[in-house]
Amino acid sequence: MVPIELDDEVPDGAPPRGPGRRRSRLWVVVGGAVAALALAAGQWAADRAQASSWDRLSDRADVVVPLGGSLAVRWSLDPSQLMAVAQGVGWRGTVVGPVALPDGSVAVTALDDRDGHRRWTTPVIGPDAQRAALGGTWHASGSCRRVPDDASRVVCLVSDAVVVDSGTSVTTRNVTSQVHLVAVDPRTGQLQADHRIGADLDTLDALLPGGLVVVVSSRSSSAHPGVVGVDLDTGTERWRTAPPALAQWSGFGAAAVGNAVAVIGGSGLDVLGPDGSVRRSVRLNGYQGYLSLPDGRIVVPEADGTLVVGPDRDVHLDGSPMWLAADDGSVPGLTLIRNGTLHAYDADGHQRWELPGPAPSGAVVLRGVLYATRDGGVVAVDGSTGTVRWQTALAVQQRSPVTDGRVLLVALGSDVAALDLRTGAVAWRSPLPVDHPELGAFGGMLLAGATDGSSTLVLG
């Protein structure tokens, strides 16, 4: 604003000013100031509304922080940050995870997605001279998850096990003596709960409604791993069991399915109730992992198809599951299966639609639309009906697209194209960092990885 000076002096010989003229000039200044304040307030309100909208979206799907019209390297993940990210969980522009400190203590920290600085660090396990002597080669052991029915809490399992990075391999040393189950406020790092639990508990696998934390012990006294239900508020074990699904050590996992937990092993799958009892069992041929769906179901690949597991029933589908980089849950019950082409099923196992042409390599679901990359370009499909909204011919990499909720990002080889979500038109393009063609997203960060996995850069 250009300042307007109010001069009370009247030059010699000039006619006296009337009161109306002074008031009008004063109102010019006051009016301009009010207008400027109104514009600033309006912009602030718009910025806050946009930020709140992104926060709500990021609570439901893994979207990256809002981007501008180009990309640049923001920061590089060093080994300690990479470990915190790998074991952490995204929360509204941060990644919350365990971190090793120089004095040998173990903490939970929040890394800012935009520049990698620590917004807060909360110590959990105290200093240790032996761990400190390892210097930068050791990392904290643990994992973090969001509480499904409380956005203001993140739960972490943190231990004093030492993870050592020798440059060519990562190994775990020393006998674990301390395991802590902690809850923190992801906004401030305030410790809301800190319980020292059994030293044999080493994997945080699921959080169920009502404050039940499901952890797995790979060193239980039985012949195979055990599953333990721990009360988040008190830290006490509610139950401990060794379900038949974990009889083989070829690989195992556990995942929440509504108010139940699915325990997946090499030979089968057991669904446990909140009290740890086995509700039902399903035979499997080898553990290949699982994918979580927004409605609480999980998708388990099998040798002869795909098993979709819910709290009360299972559905078997022919084909292999398609991984979604982000899904905001806007198409309830949607399950995507690749079987030559892409097939969409509802929660009952009935086919909704089929997309002709090559099956996509990856996709995101946002506001009722499926955006998928496949050989020859990108396609946008109505998630409920299968109607094609638009198609764009591009030489895309065969990997999943990424979104910030405003544009769709696809890797084209040496650069990235940002597509308009409504039309598929290219809004802008930006080069990828040299020797970092692997585009991906995690915890709100847009990542570019080196082909050999030697480094990971954060873009923005």
Protein backbone atom coordinates (compact mmCIF):
# COMPACT_ATOMS: atom_id res chain seq x y z
CA MET A 1 0.00 0.00 0.00
CA VAL A 2 1.21 3.56 -0.78
CA PRO A 3 1.19 5.64 2.42
CA ILE A 4 -0.97 8.79 2.36
CA GLU A 5 0.22 11.55 4.63
CA LEU A 6 -2.37 13.56 6.54
CA ASP A 7 -1.09 17.15 6.73
CA ASP A 8 -2.90 19.29 9.26
CA GLU A 9 -1.06 22.45 8.20
CA VAL A 10 -2.71 24.81 5.68
CA PRO A 11 -0.30 26.61 3.30
CA ASP A 12 -0.28 30.41 3.42
CA GLY A 13 -2.93 31.93 1.21
CA ALA A 14 -4.77 28.70 0.65
CA PRO A 15 -8.45 28.52 1.50
CA PRO A 16 -9.19 26.68 4.71
CA ARG A 17 -10.00 22.99 4.34
CA GLY A 18 -13.45 21.87 5.20
CA PRO A 19 -13.94 18.94 7.55
CA GLY A 20 -15.38 16.82 4.75
CA ARG A 21 -12.13 16.81 2.76
CA ARG A 22 -10.04 15.63 5.72
CA ARG A 23 -12.53 12.88 6.52
CA SER A 24 -12.53 11.68 2.92
CA ARG A 25 -8.73 11.41 2.85
CA LEU A 26 -8.78 9.61 6.19
CA TRP A 27 -11.33 7.13 4.87
CA VAL A 28 -9.04 6.43 1.90
CA VAL A 29 -6.36 5.25 4.32
CA VAL A 30 -8.74 3.42 6.66
CA GLY A 31 -10.62 1.85 3.79
CA GLY A 32 -7.41 0.70 2.14
CA ALA A 33 -6.17 -0.81 5.39
CA VAL A 34 -9.46 -2.62 5.95
CA ALA A 35 -9.41 -3.95 2.39
CA ALA A 36 -5.83 -5.17 2.81
CA LEU A 37 -6.71 -6.85 6.09
CA ALA A 38 -9.76 -8.43 4.50
CA LEU A 39 -7.67 -9.76 1.63
CA ALA A 40 -5.07 -11.12 4.04
CA ALA A 41 -7.75 -12.70 6.21
CA GLY A 42 -9.43 -14.18 3.17
CA GLN A 43 -6.15 -15.63 1.92
CA TRP A 44 -5.38 -17.00 5.39
CA ALA A 45 -8.83 -18.59 5.57
CA ALA A 46 -8.41 -20.08 2.09
CA ASP A 47 -4.97 -21.43 2.98
CA ARG A 48 -6.29 -22.95 6.21
CA ALA A 49 -9.27 -24.49 4.41
CA GLN A 50 -6.95 -26.00 1.80
CA ALA A 51 -4.60 -27.30 4.50
CA SER A 52 -7.50 -28.78 6.47
CA SER A 53 -8.85 -30.42 3.33
CA TRP A 54 -5.44 -31.97 2.62
CA ASP A 55 -5.13 -33.10 6.26
CA ARG A 56 -8.47 -34.90 6.03
CA LEU A 57 -7.48 -36.49 2.72
CA SER A 58 -4.09 -37.57 4.08
CA ASP A 59 -5.87 -39.26 7.00
CA ARG A 60 -7.55 -41.58 4.47
CA ALA A 61 -4.96 -42.00 1.72
CA ASP A 62 -1.21 -41.74 1.14
CA VAL A 63 -1.17 -38.45 -0.77
CA VAL A 64 1.97 -36.31 -1.04
CA VAL A 65 2.16 -32.76 0.30
CA PRO A 66 0.72 -30.19 -2.14
CA LEU A 67 3.07 -29.40 -5.01
CA GLY A 68 3.73 -26.30 -7.11
CA GLY A 69 4.31 -26.15 -10.85
CA SER A 70 7.71 -27.85 -10.81
CA LEU A 71 9.83 -30.24 -8.77
CA ALA A 72 13.16 -29.81 -7.02
CA VAL A 73 15.17 -31.89 -4.58
CA ARG A 74 14.13 -30.83 -1.09
CA TRP A 75 16.41 -33.11 0.90
CA SER A 76 18.07 -36.52 0.90
CA LEU A 77 17.22 -39.31 3.32
CA ASP A 78 20.30 -40.20 5.36
CA PRO A 79 20.50 -43.73 6.87
CA SER A 80 18.91 -42.76 10.20
CA GLN A 81 16.08 -40.89 8.49
CA LEU A 82 15.55 -43.73 6.03
CA MET A 83 15.24 -46.20 8.90
CA ALA A 84 12.80 -43.93 10.75
CA VAL A 85 10.73 -43.60 7.58
CA ALA A 86 10.83 -47.34 6.84
CA GLN A 87 9.61 -48.14 10.36
CA GLY A 88 7.38 -45.09 10.70
CA VAL A 89 3.93 -43.92 9.68
CA GLY A 90 2.79 -40.81 7.85
CA TRP A 91 0.82 -38.19 9.74
CA ARG A 92 -0.29 -34.92 8.09
CA GLY A 93 2.97 -33.84 6.52
CA THR A 94 5.30 -35.74 8.84
CA VAL A 95 6.60 -39.26 9.29
CA VAL A 96 6.56 -40.49 12.89
CA GLY A 97 9.03 -43.26 13.66
CA PRO A 98 11.77 -44.56 15.98
CA VAL A 99 15.21 -42.98 15.82
CA ALA A 100 18.63 -43.63 17.37
CA LEU A 101 20.32 -40.69 19.12
CA PRO A 102 24.11 -40.11 19.42
CA ASP A 103 24.18 -40.90 23.15
CA GLY A 104 22.76 -44.38 22.51
CA SER A 105 19.21 -43.56 23.53
CA VAL A 106 16.15 -44.48 21.49
CA ALA A 107 13.40 -41.97 20.77
CA VAL A 108 10.33 -41.39 18.64
CA THR A 109 10.59 -38.46 16.26
CA ALA A 110 8.54 -36.64 13.63
CA LEU A 111 10.36 -35.82 10.39
CA ASP A 112 8.95 -32.89 8.43
CA ASP A 113 8.10 -33.99 4.88
CA ARG A 114 9.24 -30.71 3.34
CA ASP A 115 12.81 -30.47 4.58
CA GLY A 116 13.50 -33.43 6.88
CA HIS A 117 13.96 -31.47 10.09
CA ARG A 118 12.71 -33.01 13.31
CA ARG A 119 9.59 -31.24 14.48
CA TRP A 120 9.89 -33.00 17.82
CA THR A 121 11.83 -35.84 19.43
CA THR A 122 10.54 -37.77 22.45
CA PRO A 123 13.03 -40.03 24.29
CA VAL A 124 11.77 -43.51 25.20
CA ILE A 125 14.83 -45.61 26.16
CA GLY A 126 17.76 -43.94 27.93
CA PRO A 127 21.42 -43.54 26.88
CA ASP A 128 23.73 -46.53 26.51
CA ALA A 129 27.51 -46.38 26.09
CA GLN A 130 27.76 -49.55 23.99
CA ARG A 131 25.14 -48.34 21.53
CA ALA A 132 26.71 -44.90 21.42
CA ALA A 133 30.11 -46.44 20.59
CA LEU A 134 28.66 -47.83 17.35
CA GLY A 135 28.27 -44.28 16.06
CA GLY A 136 26.19 -43.77 12.94
CA THR A 137 26.18 -47.46 11.99
CA TRP A 138 23.36 -48.38 14.39
CA HIS A 139 19.69 -47.63 14.11
CA ALA A 140 16.69 -47.99 16.36
CA SER A 141 14.41 -51.00 16.11
CA GLY A 142 10.65 -50.58 16.19
CA SER A 143 7.56 -49.56 14.26
CA CYS A 144 4.67 -47.09 14.49
CA ARG A 145 1.02 -47.10 13.47
CA ARG A 146 -1.86 -44.65 13.54
CA VAL A 147 -4.73 -45.33 15.91
CA PRO A 148 -7.66 -46.06 13.55
CA ASP A 149 -10.36 -44.31 15.58
CA ASP A 150 -8.27 -41.44 17.00
CA ALA A 151 -6.31 -39.15 14.66
CA SER A 152 -4.56 -37.51 17.62
CA ARG A 153 -2.60 -40.64 18.58
CA VAL A 154 0.23 -42.66 17.08
CA VAL A 155 1.31 -45.92 18.71
CA CYS A 156 4.89 -47.20 18.49
CA LEU A 157 6.69 -50.35 19.58
CA VAL A 158 10.29 -49.43 20.45
CA SER A 159 13.04 -51.75 21.66
CA ASP A 160 16.72 -51.56 22.61
CA ALA A 161 17.66 -54.06 19.90
CA VAL A 162 20.50 -52.68 17.79
CA VAL A 163 20.09 -52.67 14.02
CA VAL A 164 23.55 -52.33 12.46
CA ASP A 165 24.07 -51.16 8.88
CA SER A 166 27.40 -52.39 7.53
CA GLY A 167 26.85 -50.85 4.11
CA THR A 168 26.15 -54.17 2.42
CA SER A 169 23.76 -55.71 4.94
CA VAL A 170 21.56 -54.90 7.92
CA THR A 171 21.69 -57.12 11.01
CA THR A 172 20.17 -57.06 14.49
CA ARG A 173 22.56 -57.43 17.41
CA ASN A 174 22.32 -57.95 21.17
CA VAL A 175 19.58 -59.62 23.20
CA THR A 176 16.56 -57.38 23.57
CA SER A 177 16.04 -56.40 27.19
CA GLN A 178 13.56 -53.54 26.83
CA VAL A 179 10.45 -53.24 24.70
CA HIS A 180 8.20 -50.22 25.14
CA LEU A 181 4.68 -49.68 23.85
CA VAL A 182 4.15 -45.93 23.64
CA ALA A 183 1.43 -43.58 22.45
CA VAL A 184 2.34 -40.05 21.37
CA ASP A 185 0.48 -36.99 20.18
CA PRO A 186 1.77 -36.67 16.58
CA ARG A 187 1.35 -32.89 16.67
CA THR A 188 3.59 -32.22 19.65
CA GLY A 189 5.33 -35.47 20.55
CA GLN A 190 3.75 -35.45 24.01
CA LEU A 191 3.98 -38.91 25.53
CA GLN A 192 0.46 -40.12 26.27
CA ALA A 193 1.37 -43.65 27.36
CA ASP A 194 4.60 -45.57 27.96
CA HIS A 195 4.39 -49.24 28.95
CA ARG A 196 7.29 -51.63 29.27
CA ILE A 197 6.01 -54.92 27.87
CA GLY A 198 7.43 -58.41 27.28
CA ALA A 199 10.95 -58.44 25.84
CA ASP A 200 9.95 -61.20 23.41
CA LEU A 201 7.45 -58.92 21.63
CA ASP A 202 9.12 -57.54 18.53
CA THR A 203 6.52 -56.67 15.87
CA LEU A 204 3.61 -54.21 16.07
CA ASP A 205 1.12 -55.68 13.64
CA ALA A 206 -2.36 -54.27 14.24
CA LEU A 207 -4.43 -51.80 16.24
CA LEU A 208 -8.05 -52.72 16.90
CA PRO A 209 -10.91 -50.48 18.05
CA GLY A 210 -11.11 -50.18 21.81
CA GLY A 211 -7.39 -49.84 22.44
CA LEU A 212 -6.23 -53.38 21.68
CA VAL A 213 -2.72 -53.62 20.25
CA VAL A 214 -1.77 -56.87 18.51
CA VAL A 215 1.92 -57.74 18.56
CA VAL A 216 3.79 -60.82 17.40
CA SER A 217 6.52 -62.64 19.29
CA SER A 218 8.99 -64.45 17.06
CA ARG A 219 10.81 -65.72 20.16
CA SER A 220 7.96 -67.20 22.17
CA SER A 221 8.42 -70.24 24.38
CA SER A 222 6.24 -72.33 22.05
CA ALA A 223 7.51 -74.08 18.94
CA HIS A 224 6.35 -71.26 16.67
CA PRO A 225 5.60 -67.51 16.88
CA GLY A 226 2.95 -66.25 19.23
CA VAL A 227 0.36 -63.50 18.93
CA VAL A 228 -0.34 -61.24 21.90
CA GLY A 229 -3.12 -58.76 22.59
CA VAL A 230 -1.96 -55.82 24.73
CA ASP A 231 -4.15 -53.16 26.33
CA LEU A 232 -2.94 -49.76 25.11
CA ASP A 233 -4.16 -47.91 28.20
CA THR A 234 -2.55 -50.18 30.81
CA GLY A 235 0.12 -52.16 28.94
CA THR A 236 -1.20 -55.46 30.32
CA GLU A 237 -1.51 -58.56 28.16
CA ARG A 238 -5.17 -59.40 27.55
CA TRP A 239 -4.34 -62.68 25.88
CA ARG A 240 -1.52 -64.68 24.30
CA THR A 241 -2.00 -67.44 21.75
CA ALA A 242 -0.13 -69.55 19.19
CA PRO A 243 -2.61 -70.01 16.32
CA PRO A 244 -2.21 -72.92 13.87
CA ALA A 245 -1.51 -70.52 10.97
CA LEU A 246 1.93 -69.81 12.43
CA ALA A 247 2.98 -73.45 12.62
CA GLN A 248 5.37 -72.93 9.70
CA TRP A 249 8.19 -70.37 9.83
CA SER A 250 8.18 -69.63 6.12
CA GLY A 251 6.82 -66.14 6.80
CA PHE A 252 3.97 -64.64 8.75
CA GLY A 253 2.04 -61.47 9.43
CA ALA A 254 -1.01 -60.12 11.20
CA ALA A 255 -3.48 -57.45 10.15
CA ALA A 256 -6.61 -55.82 11.51
CA VAL A 257 -9.87 -56.77 9.78
CA GLY A 258 -12.53 -54.63 11.43
CA ASN A 259 -12.67 -55.59 15.11
CA ALA A 260 -10.81 -58.85 14.44
CA VAL A 261 -7.25 -59.73 13.47
CA ALA A 262 -6.14 -62.00 10.63
CA VAL A 263 -3.00 -64.02 11.37
CA ILE A 264 -1.40 -65.17 8.12
CA GLY A 265 1.20 -67.91 7.93
CA GLY A 266 2.80 -70.19 5.41
CA SER A 267 0.08 -72.83 5.57
CA GLY A 268 -3.06 -70.96 6.52
CA LEU A 269 -4.89 -67.95 7.88
CA ASP A 270 -6.68 -67.66 11.22
CA VAL A 271 -9.14 -64.90 12.08
CA LEU A 272 -9.00 -64.09 15.80
CA GLY A 273 -11.65 -62.23 17.74
CA PRO A 274 -10.87 -59.37 20.15
CA ASP A 275 -10.45 -62.00 22.90
CA GLY A 276 -7.82 -63.95 20.94
CA SER A 277 -10.05 -66.92 20.15
CA VAL A 278 -9.99 -68.39 16.64
CA ARG A 279 -13.17 -67.48 14.76
CA ARG A 280 -12.33 -69.38 11.59
CA SER A 281 -9.39 -70.81 9.65
CA VAL A 282 -8.51 -70.92 5.94
CA ARG A 283 -5.80 -72.97 4.26
CA LEU A 284 -3.17 -71.10 2.23
CA ASN A 285 -0.27 -72.19 0.08
CA GLY A 286 2.61 -69.96 1.16
CA TYR A 287 2.73 -66.50 2.68
CA GLN A 288 3.04 -63.71 0.10
CA GLY A 289 2.00 -60.73 2.19
CA TYR A 290 -1.28 -58.82 2.13
CA LEU A 291 -2.85 -55.51 1.09
CA SER A 292 -5.17 -53.48 3.32
CA LEU A 293 -8.41 -51.98 1.98
CA PRO A 294 -9.99 -48.75 3.32
CA ASP A 295 -13.11 -50.58 4.55
CA GLY A 296 -11.11 -52.78 6.93
CA ARG A 297 -10.77 -55.88 4.75
CA ILE A 298 -7.46 -57.29 3.58
CA VAL A 299 -6.46 -58.90 0.28
CA VAL A 300 -4.21 -61.96 0.44
CA PRO A 301 -2.54 -63.34 -2.73
CA GLU A 302 -2.70 -67.11 -3.17
CA ALA A 303 -1.14 -69.52 -5.62
CA ASP A 304 -4.52 -70.00 -7.33
CA GLY A 305 -6.09 -66.57 -6.93
CA THR A 306 -6.84 -63.95 -4.30
CA LEU A 307 -8.49 -64.29 -0.89
CA VAL A 308 -10.38 -61.23 0.38
CA VAL A 309 -10.70 -61.45 4.16
CA GLY A 310 -13.27 -59.56 6.23
CA PRO A 311 -14.29 -59.72 9.88
CA ASP A 312 -17.08 -62.24 9.25
CA ARG A 313 -16.44 -63.89 5.88
CA ASP A 314 -13.98 -64.48 3.06
CA VAL A 315 -14.33 -64.18 -0.72
CA HIS A 316 -12.12 -66.01 -3.23
CA LEU A 317 -11.47 -64.29 -6.58
CA ASP A 318 -9.60 -65.46 -9.67
CA GLY A 319 -6.52 -63.42 -10.56
CA SER A 320 -3.97 -61.37 -8.66
CA PRO A 321 -4.71 -58.24 -6.60
CA MET A 322 -3.76 -54.83 -7.92
CA TRP A 323 -1.86 -52.62 -5.52
CA LEU A 324 -3.20 -49.11 -5.01
CA ALA A 325 -0.72 -46.36 -4.11
CA ALA A 326 -3.57 -44.37 -2.54
CA ASP A 327 -7.24 -45.07 -1.89
CA ASP A 328 -9.43 -42.55 -0.08
CA GLY A 329 -12.28 -45.05 0.37
CA SER A 330 -14.63 -43.12 -1.91
CA VAL A 331 -15.74 -46.32 -3.72
CA PRO A 332 -16.96 -48.54 -0.86
CA GLY A 333 -16.27 -52.26 -1.15
CA LEU A 334 -14.06 -51.89 -4.24
CA THR A 335 -11.64 -54.76 -4.88
CA LEU A 336 -9.44 -54.66 -7.99
CA ILE A 337 -8.13 -57.86 -9.59
CA ARG A 338 -5.86 -58.34 -12.59
CA ASN A 339 -6.72 -61.38 -14.66
CA GLY A 340 -5.69 -60.52 -18.22
CA THR A 341 -7.68 -57.30 -17.89
CA LEU A 342 -8.70 -55.30 -14.83
CA HIS A 343 -11.81 -56.48 -12.98
CA ALA A 344 -13.61 -54.56 -10.22
CA TYR A 345 -15.62 -56.46 -7.59
CA ASP A 346 -17.86 -55.37 -4.75
CA ALA A 347 -17.59 -56.55 -1.15
CA ASP A 348 -19.79 -59.58 -1.91
CA GLY A 349 -17.51 -60.80 -4.70
CA HIS A 350 -19.81 -59.72 -7.55
CA GLN A 351 -18.12 -58.17 -10.57
CA ARG A 352 -18.96 -54.49 -11.00
CA TRP A 353 -17.12 -53.82 -14.25
CA GLU A 354 -14.21 -54.79 -16.45
CA LEU A 355 -11.75 -52.40 -18.09
CA PRO A 356 -10.77 -53.51 -21.62
CA GLY A 357 -7.16 -53.29 -22.71
CA PRO A 358 -3.92 -53.97 -20.86
CA ALA A 359 -4.22 -54.42 -17.11
CA PRO A 360 -2.83 -51.40 -15.23
CA SER A 361 0.50 -51.56 -13.46
CA GLY A 362 -0.71 -49.34 -10.61
CA ALA A 363 -3.44 -46.92 -9.66
CA VAL A 364 -4.90 -44.50 -7.13
CA VAL A 365 -8.54 -44.03 -6.15
CA LEU A 366 -9.56 -40.46 -5.41
CA ARG A 367 -13.05 -38.92 -5.07
CA GLY A 368 -14.76 -41.84 -6.76
CA VAL A 369 -12.37 -42.11 -9.73
CA LEU A 370 -9.70 -44.73 -10.45
CA TYR A 371 -6.58 -43.26 -12.08
CA ALA A 372 -4.37 -45.98 -13.55
CA THR A 373 -1.12 -46.23 -15.48
CA ARG A 374 -0.79 -48.95 -18.09
CA ASP A 375 1.08 -49.69 -21.28
CA GLY A 376 0.53 -46.68 -23.54
CA GLY A 377 -0.64 -44.09 -21.05
CA VAL A 378 -3.05 -43.18 -18.27
CA VAL A 379 -6.77 -43.85 -17.92
CA ALA A 380 -9.37 -42.40 -15.54
CA VAL A 381 -12.35 -44.63 -14.77
CA ASP A 382 -15.50 -44.10 -12.73
CA GLY A 383 -14.91 -46.40 -9.77
CA SER A 384 -18.56 -47.40 -9.42
CA THR A 385 -19.52 -48.00 -13.07
CA GLY A 386 -16.28 -48.54 -14.98
CA THR A 387 -17.09 -45.71 -17.38
CA VAL A 388 -13.93 -44.22 -18.87
CA ARG A 389 -13.70 -40.51 -17.99
CA TRP A 390 -10.57 -39.80 -20.07
CA GLN A 391 -7.47 -41.41 -21.54
CA THR A 392 -4.07 -39.85 -22.19
CA ALA A 393 -1.40 -41.39 -24.42
CA LEU A 394 1.97 -41.08 -22.68
CA ALA A 395 5.14 -43.17 -22.52
CA VAL A 396 4.71 -43.78 -18.79
CA GLN A 397 6.86 -45.94 -16.57
CA GLN A 398 5.06 -49.11 -15.54
CA ARG A 399 4.63 -48.06 -11.94
CA SER A 400 1.81 -46.55 -9.93
CA PRO A 401 0.89 -42.87 -10.25
CA VAL A 402 1.11 -40.52 -7.28
CA THR A 403 -1.21 -37.68 -6.28
CA ASP A 404 -1.28 -34.68 -3.98
CA GLY A 405 -5.06 -34.49 -4.29
CA ARG A 406 -4.87 -31.78 -6.99
CA VAL A 407 -2.87 -33.36 -9.84
CA LEU A 408 -1.86 -36.86 -10.88
CA LEU A 409 1.90 -37.44 -11.12
CA VAL A 410 3.29 -40.05 -13.51
CA ALA A 411 6.91 -40.89 -14.29
CA LEU A 412 7.84 -40.72 -17.98
CA GLY A 413 11.42 -41.94 -17.80
CA SER A 414 13.59 -38.88 -17.28
CA ASP A 415 10.86 -36.53 -16.12
CA VAL A 416 7.50 -36.30 -14.35
CA ALA A 417 4.19 -35.17 -15.82
CA ALA A 418 1.45 -33.64 -13.68
CA LEU A 419 -1.98 -34.38 -15.17
CA ASP A 420 -5.21 -32.48 -14.59
CA LEU A 421 -7.50 -34.81 -12.63
CA ARG A 422 -10.60 -33.71 -14.57
CA THR A 423 -9.27 -33.89 -18.14
CA GLY A 424 -5.95 -35.75 -18.18
CA ALA A 425 -4.24 -32.78 -19.82
CA VAL A 426 -0.60 -32.23 -18.87
CA ALA A 427 -0.54 -29.30 -16.45
CA TRP A 428 3.25 -29.19 -16.12
CA ARG A 429 6.37 -31.31 -16.50
CA SER A 430 9.55 -31.41 -14.46
CA PRO A 431 12.77 -33.42 -14.79
CA LEU A 432 13.62 -36.23 -12.40
CA PRO A 433 16.98 -36.03 -10.59
CA VAL A 434 19.83 -37.66 -12.52
CA ASP A 435 20.08 -41.41 -11.87
CA HIS A 436 16.91 -41.35 -9.72
CA PRO A 437 14.10 -42.58 -11.99
CA GLU A 438 12.14 -44.53 -9.34
CA LEU A 439 9.15 -42.32 -8.47
CA GLY A 440 7.08 -43.18 -5.42
CA ALA A 441 5.39 -41.84 -2.31
CA PHE A 442 5.37 -42.59 1.39
CA GLY A 443 4.00 -40.74 4.37
CA GLY A 444 3.25 -37.60 2.36
CA MET A 445 6.70 -37.48 0.75
CA LEU A 446 7.31 -37.61 -3.00
CA LEU A 447 10.37 -39.83 -3.42
CA ALA A 448 12.86 -40.40 -6.23
CA GLY A 449 15.01 -43.48 -5.75
CA ALA A 450 18.26 -44.48 -7.40
CA THR A 451 18.08 -47.53 -9.66
CA ASP A 452 20.55 -49.42 -7.47
CA GLY A 453 18.78 -48.37 -4.26
CA SER A 454 21.82 -46.46 -2.99
CA SER A 455 20.00 -43.20 -2.27
CA THR A 456 16.53 -41.72 -1.91
CA LEU A 457 15.69 -38.08 -2.57
CA VAL A 458 12.63 -36.17 -1.40
CA LEU A 459 11.06 -33.93 -4.04
CA GLY A 460 8.75 -30.99 -3.67
